[in-house]
Structures are given as C-alpha cells and as structure tokens.
Protein backbone atom coordinates (compact mmCIF):
# COMPACT_ATOMS: atom_id res chain seq x y z
CA MET A 1 -12.89 -73.53 -5.94
CA ASP A 2 -10.65 -76.18 -7.48
CA PRO A 3 -12.36 -77.44 -10.70
CA HIS A 4 -11.07 -80.96 -9.94
CA GLU A 5 -12.92 -80.95 -6.62
CA ARG A 6 -16.10 -79.71 -8.28
CA ARG A 7 -15.93 -82.55 -10.78
CA SER A 8 -15.39 -85.10 -8.01
CA VAL A 9 -19.16 -84.94 -7.38
CA LEU A 10 -21.49 -86.55 -9.93
CA PHE A 11 -24.85 -84.77 -10.11
CA THR A 12 -27.63 -86.97 -11.46
CA PHE A 13 -31.11 -86.04 -12.61
CA ALA A 14 -33.78 -88.08 -14.36
CA HIS A 15 -35.41 -85.63 -16.78
CA PRO A 16 -33.74 -82.83 -18.80
CA ARG A 17 -35.85 -80.21 -16.98
CA GLU A 18 -34.27 -81.28 -13.70
CA GLY A 19 -30.78 -80.49 -15.00
CA THR A 20 -31.05 -77.22 -16.93
CA LEU A 21 -29.27 -75.12 -14.30
CA LEU A 22 -26.67 -77.77 -13.51
CA ARG A 23 -25.75 -78.08 -17.19
CA GLN A 24 -25.06 -74.35 -17.39
CA ASP A 25 -22.05 -74.80 -15.10
CA LEU A 26 -19.47 -76.45 -17.34
CA SER A 27 -17.22 -77.19 -14.36
CA LEU A 28 -19.72 -79.77 -13.07
CA ARG A 29 -19.97 -83.45 -13.84
CA VAL A 30 -23.62 -84.21 -14.62
CA LEU A 31 -25.59 -87.26 -15.73
CA GLU A 32 -29.11 -87.44 -17.13
CA THR A 33 -30.21 -90.91 -16.11
CA GLY A 34 -33.63 -91.20 -17.68
CA VAL A 35 -36.83 -91.64 -15.72
CA GLY A 36 -37.56 -94.76 -13.68
CA LYS A 37 -35.74 -97.45 -11.74
CA ALA A 38 -34.24 -99.41 -14.63
CA ARG A 39 -32.85 -96.54 -16.66
CA SER A 40 -31.52 -94.67 -13.64
CA ALA A 41 -29.81 -97.72 -12.10
CA VAL A 42 -28.17 -98.76 -15.40
CA SER A 43 -27.05 -95.20 -16.20
CA VAL A 44 -25.53 -94.58 -12.79
CA ALA A 45 -23.86 -98.00 -12.62
CA ALA A 46 -22.23 -97.42 -16.02
CA ALA A 47 -21.06 -93.93 -15.02
CA LEU A 48 -19.55 -95.17 -11.76
CA ALA A 49 -17.72 -97.98 -13.53
CA ALA A 50 -16.30 -95.63 -16.15
CA ASP A 51 -15.10 -92.84 -13.88
CA ARG A 52 -15.55 -93.22 -10.14
CA PRO A 53 -16.66 -89.98 -8.41
CA ARG A 54 -16.16 -89.14 -4.75
CA LEU A 55 -19.90 -88.58 -4.22
CA VAL A 56 -23.15 -88.89 -6.16
CA CYS A 57 -25.70 -86.13 -5.60
CA ILE A 58 -29.20 -87.01 -6.81
CA VAL A 59 -31.21 -83.92 -7.76
CA GLY A 60 -34.86 -83.76 -8.78
CA VAL A 61 -38.52 -83.38 -7.98
CA CYS A 62 -40.81 -85.57 -5.92
CA GLY A 63 -44.42 -86.00 -4.88
CA ALA A 64 -45.31 -85.49 -1.23
CA PHE A 65 -47.75 -87.71 0.61
CA PRO A 66 -50.46 -85.32 1.83
CA GLY A 67 -51.53 -85.12 5.45
CA ARG A 68 -54.57 -87.31 4.87
CA HIS A 69 -52.29 -90.17 3.77
CA ALA A 70 -49.04 -89.44 5.55
CA ALA A 71 -47.51 -92.33 7.43
CA GLY A 72 -44.10 -90.69 7.86
CA GLU A 73 -43.13 -87.95 10.28
CA VAL A 74 -42.65 -85.05 7.86
CA LEU A 75 -45.43 -83.18 6.08
CA LEU A 76 -44.28 -81.31 2.99
CA GLU A 77 -46.16 -78.93 0.72
CA ILE A 78 -45.72 -78.11 -2.94
CA GLY A 79 -42.66 -75.90 -3.25
CA ASP A 80 -40.86 -77.33 -0.23
CA ALA A 81 -37.43 -78.93 -0.53
CA CYS A 82 -35.93 -81.84 1.42
CA VAL A 83 -32.94 -84.09 1.91
CA VAL A 84 -33.71 -87.77 1.29
CA VAL A 85 -31.76 -89.62 3.99
CA GLU A 86 -33.09 -93.08 3.08
CA SER A 87 -35.18 -94.67 0.37
CA VAL A 88 -37.20 -97.85 -0.01
CA LEU A 89 -38.59 -99.78 -2.97
CA GLY A 90 -42.30 -99.01 -2.74
CA ASP A 91 -43.89 -101.46 -5.18
CA GLU A 92 -41.52 -104.42 -5.56
CA GLY A 93 -43.47 -107.55 -4.67
CA VAL A 94 -46.89 -109.10 -5.20
CA ASP A 95 -50.24 -107.32 -5.14
CA LEU A 96 -52.54 -109.75 -3.34
CA GLY A 97 -55.71 -107.74 -3.81
CA ASP A 98 -56.39 -107.56 -0.09
CA GLY A 99 -52.78 -106.74 0.75
CA PHE A 100 -49.23 -106.57 -0.54
CA ALA A 101 -46.24 -108.86 -0.01
CA ASP A 102 -42.91 -107.17 -0.62
CA LEU A 103 -39.57 -108.77 -1.49
CA ASP A 104 -38.64 -109.23 2.16
CA GLU A 105 -41.85 -111.12 2.93
CA LEU A 106 -41.42 -113.24 -0.18
CA GLY A 107 -37.82 -114.07 0.66
CA LEU A 108 -36.68 -112.70 -2.68
CA GLY A 109 -34.50 -109.82 -1.53
CA THR A 110 -34.97 -106.55 0.27
CA THR A 111 -36.92 -103.36 -0.30
CA GLY A 112 -34.56 -101.38 1.95
CA PRO A 113 -34.17 -98.92 3.46
CA PHE A 114 -31.13 -97.83 1.49
CA PRO A 115 -29.38 -95.01 3.37
CA ALA A 116 -27.72 -91.95 1.92
CA HIS A 117 -24.37 -90.79 3.31
CA ALA A 118 -25.31 -89.87 6.88
CA GLU A 119 -22.67 -87.24 7.60
CA VAL A 120 -23.00 -85.32 4.34
CA SER A 121 -26.81 -85.55 4.38
CA GLU A 122 -26.91 -84.14 7.89
CA ARG A 123 -24.52 -81.32 6.98
CA VAL A 124 -26.56 -80.40 3.91
CA ALA A 125 -29.87 -80.55 5.80
CA GLU A 126 -28.48 -78.40 8.60
CA GLY A 127 -26.68 -75.97 6.30
CA LEU A 128 -29.65 -75.43 4.00
CA GLY A 129 -32.32 -75.70 6.71
CA LEU A 130 -34.11 -78.63 5.09
CA PRO A 131 -36.10 -81.53 6.58
CA ARG A 132 -34.79 -85.10 6.42
CA VAL A 133 -37.21 -87.51 4.73
CA ARG A 134 -37.71 -91.09 3.58
CA ALA A 135 -38.56 -91.70 -0.09
CA ALA A 136 -40.67 -94.50 -1.51
CA THR A 137 -39.40 -95.33 -5.02
CA VAL A 138 -42.09 -96.63 -7.35
CA SER A 139 -42.56 -97.64 -10.97
CA THR A 140 -46.22 -96.61 -10.93
CA CYS A 141 -46.86 -93.29 -9.22
CA SER A 142 -49.95 -93.07 -7.02
CA GLY A 143 -52.43 -90.90 -8.91
CA ARG A 144 -55.37 -92.08 -6.80
CA ASP A 145 -56.03 -91.49 -3.13
CA ASP A 146 -56.35 -95.19 -2.34
CA ALA A 147 -52.99 -95.99 -3.96
CA SER A 148 -51.31 -93.07 -2.20
CA ALA A 149 -52.67 -94.10 1.19
CA ARG A 150 -51.58 -97.73 0.73
CA ILE A 151 -48.01 -96.87 -0.27
CA ALA A 152 -47.66 -94.31 2.51
CA ALA A 153 -48.89 -96.78 5.11
CA ARG A 154 -46.75 -99.64 3.78
CA THR A 155 -43.49 -97.71 3.40
CA ARG A 156 -43.86 -94.96 6.02
CA ALA A 157 -42.33 -92.64 3.44
CA ASP A 158 -42.71 -88.88 3.28
CA VAL A 159 -42.22 -88.48 -0.48
CA GLU A 160 -42.61 -90.56 -3.62
CA THR A 161 -39.94 -90.79 -6.35
CA MET A 162 -39.16 -92.94 -9.36
CA GLU A 163 -35.36 -93.27 -9.03
CA SER A 164 -34.08 -92.82 -5.45
CA ALA A 165 -33.76 -96.41 -4.23
CA ALA A 166 -32.56 -97.67 -7.62
CA ILE A 167 -29.69 -95.17 -7.69
CA ALA A 168 -28.93 -95.88 -4.03
CA ILE A 169 -28.58 -99.59 -4.85
CA ALA A 170 -26.25 -98.81 -7.77
CA CYS A 171 -24.12 -96.56 -5.57
CA GLU A 172 -24.00 -99.14 -2.79
CA ALA A 173 -22.88 -101.83 -5.23
CA ALA A 174 -20.08 -99.59 -6.50
CA GLY A 175 -19.03 -98.46 -3.02
CA VAL A 176 -19.71 -94.79 -3.81
CA PRO A 177 -21.63 -92.68 -1.26
CA HIS A 178 -24.62 -90.62 -2.32
CA ILE A 179 -26.88 -87.87 -1.06
CA GLU A 180 -30.19 -86.64 -2.45
CA LEU A 181 -31.84 -83.22 -2.77
CA ARG A 182 -35.42 -82.97 -3.98
CA ALA A 183 -38.20 -80.40 -4.17
CA VAL A 184 -41.94 -81.13 -4.08
CA SER A 185 -43.70 -80.59 -7.41
CA ASN A 186 -47.04 -82.17 -6.48
CA GLU A 187 -49.01 -84.11 -3.90
CA THR A 188 -49.62 -87.81 -4.40
CA GLY A 189 -53.16 -89.11 -4.73
CA ASP A 190 -56.07 -87.53 -6.60
CA ARG A 191 -54.95 -84.17 -7.94
CA HIS A 192 -55.27 -81.82 -10.88
CA ARG A 193 -52.24 -81.62 -13.14
CA SER A 194 -52.61 -77.82 -13.15
CA ALA A 195 -51.61 -77.84 -9.47
CA TRP A 196 -48.20 -79.30 -10.32
CA ARG A 197 -45.14 -77.04 -10.07
CA LEU A 198 -42.63 -79.14 -11.98
CA GLY A 199 -40.48 -76.32 -13.34
CA GLU A 200 -40.34 -74.39 -10.09
CA ALA A 201 -39.50 -77.51 -8.09
CA ALA A 202 -36.80 -78.58 -10.56
CA ASP A 203 -35.16 -75.16 -10.38
CA LEU A 204 -35.30 -75.08 -6.58
CA ALA A 205 -33.66 -78.50 -6.22
CA GLN A 206 -30.86 -77.48 -8.59
CA ARG A 207 -30.26 -74.13 -6.88
CA LEU A 208 -29.95 -75.87 -3.54
CA ALA A 209 -27.55 -78.46 -4.95
CA LEU A 210 -25.35 -75.70 -6.38
CA ARG A 211 -25.47 -73.83 -3.08
CA ALA A 212 -24.49 -76.97 -1.18
CA LEU A 213 -21.51 -77.38 -3.50
CA ASP A 214 -20.43 -73.75 -3.32
CA GLU A 215 -20.70 -73.66 0.48
CA GLY A 216 -18.56 -76.77 0.89
CA LEU A 217 -21.39 -78.87 2.30
CA LEU A 218 -20.64 -81.85 0.03
CA ALA A 219 -17.29 -82.69 1.60
CA THR A 220 -16.66 -86.33 2.50
CA ALA A 221 -13.95 -88.10 4.45
CA SER A 222 -12.21 -88.86 1.14
CA GLY A 223 -12.19 -85.30 -0.09
CA ALA A 224 -12.96 -81.75 1.03
CA LEU A 225 -14.36 -78.91 -1.01
CA HIS A 226 -12.67 -75.54 -0.60
CA SER A 227 -14.01 -72.21 -1.84
C-alpha cells in the first residue's frame, strides 16, 4: 500500500493505551489528543490546521448503556465493538434538578447530532460486521445508575464517550470528514472497576482500525486506498 495514502488518514486516540498498536506502525499518522472534550477538540483542530488529512479516524474505548437504561436501539456488551455514526453532546446545558435543559432548549447552540462520514462509516460497519451506534459525549461519565438512565433517555445514545462530539465539531469546522471505531470497556451506571476491560477494548478498537485501513475500507471520494 502506498505510504502516502496510509498517511492521508489521521488516527486519533485520547489516552496512550488506546494508541499502542497504532504507534507501532510508523507508516501511520497518529495523534494522542488527551482525554475530554476540550483537549481533544483543541488537539484535533490544531492538527487539521497544520496538515490537512483526507480523513480522521477516531479510535478508542467507550461505555455501553446497559439494557436496563438503554434508550437507543443497539445493546452492546463489554468486549463488543461498534462504528459511531453520529454523536451528541450529552451534558452541555443546565441541570434543573427536576430536569435538564440542553443548549438547543436554551437557545445557546446545538448539542447535535454530529454525523460521521456516512459512506465510509457504512462501508466499515459492513466490512467489519459491526453495529452502527450513537454516542453521547460527556465531561462527567455516569458512574451511577440514575445518571446513566437520565443520559440514555435524554440522548437516546447507545454508548458514552468523552471525545466523540468534540472531535466531530472540530472536523466539521475544518471541513474534514471523520469516522469512529470504538470497543466497549465497561457498562455505564453502578459497576465494579474490576469488571472493566480497558486494555482488551483498546486493543480491539485498534486492530479493527488497522484492518479497515489494510482492507481499503477507509477510502473517500477524495482518495482511494489500494493494497
């Protein structure tokens, strides 16, 4: 595969553990963004301004809303992988105690959804046999059942992340398409940390991203990948 084509995709990950396998391939262009909305948005925006890629591929772990809270259509378990086809800001607004008013209701902006590149996302989901999901991006993860249930009901998301929507906004502003591959490391809500599978999920997401690249699934209208 042409090294130039491989480097036309920018792979982003929030935490070093989510990029260990990607960093081993020196032909790839990778970016560790830092965890959270602010760091990830600033890091990606700066990278896109400095050297515009053809596509951004977000790679990482996520928490899945369990069946007892799920408001979306997809139920994922720990160890499953998914393609995030759209993301929303899950906790931008005002907590009213007896409810929540988001940016749209307040007339201060929008919480999304922010779509990933439809064609490439569909090709990756089909090629890798993965479900398509919506992600709720939060600053405070839901470590209690009540918080998990509220966010799931409000956003109708399938998974919870800390960067998806922020990176999507940065990509949209720069006019660069993105896709997103994640693997479930934990369930949201009340849970024991020992049940988390962070390392396994991080490795799975990276292996799938590399497979998508090697199988030519990340081609866009502005550039094709050839093996």
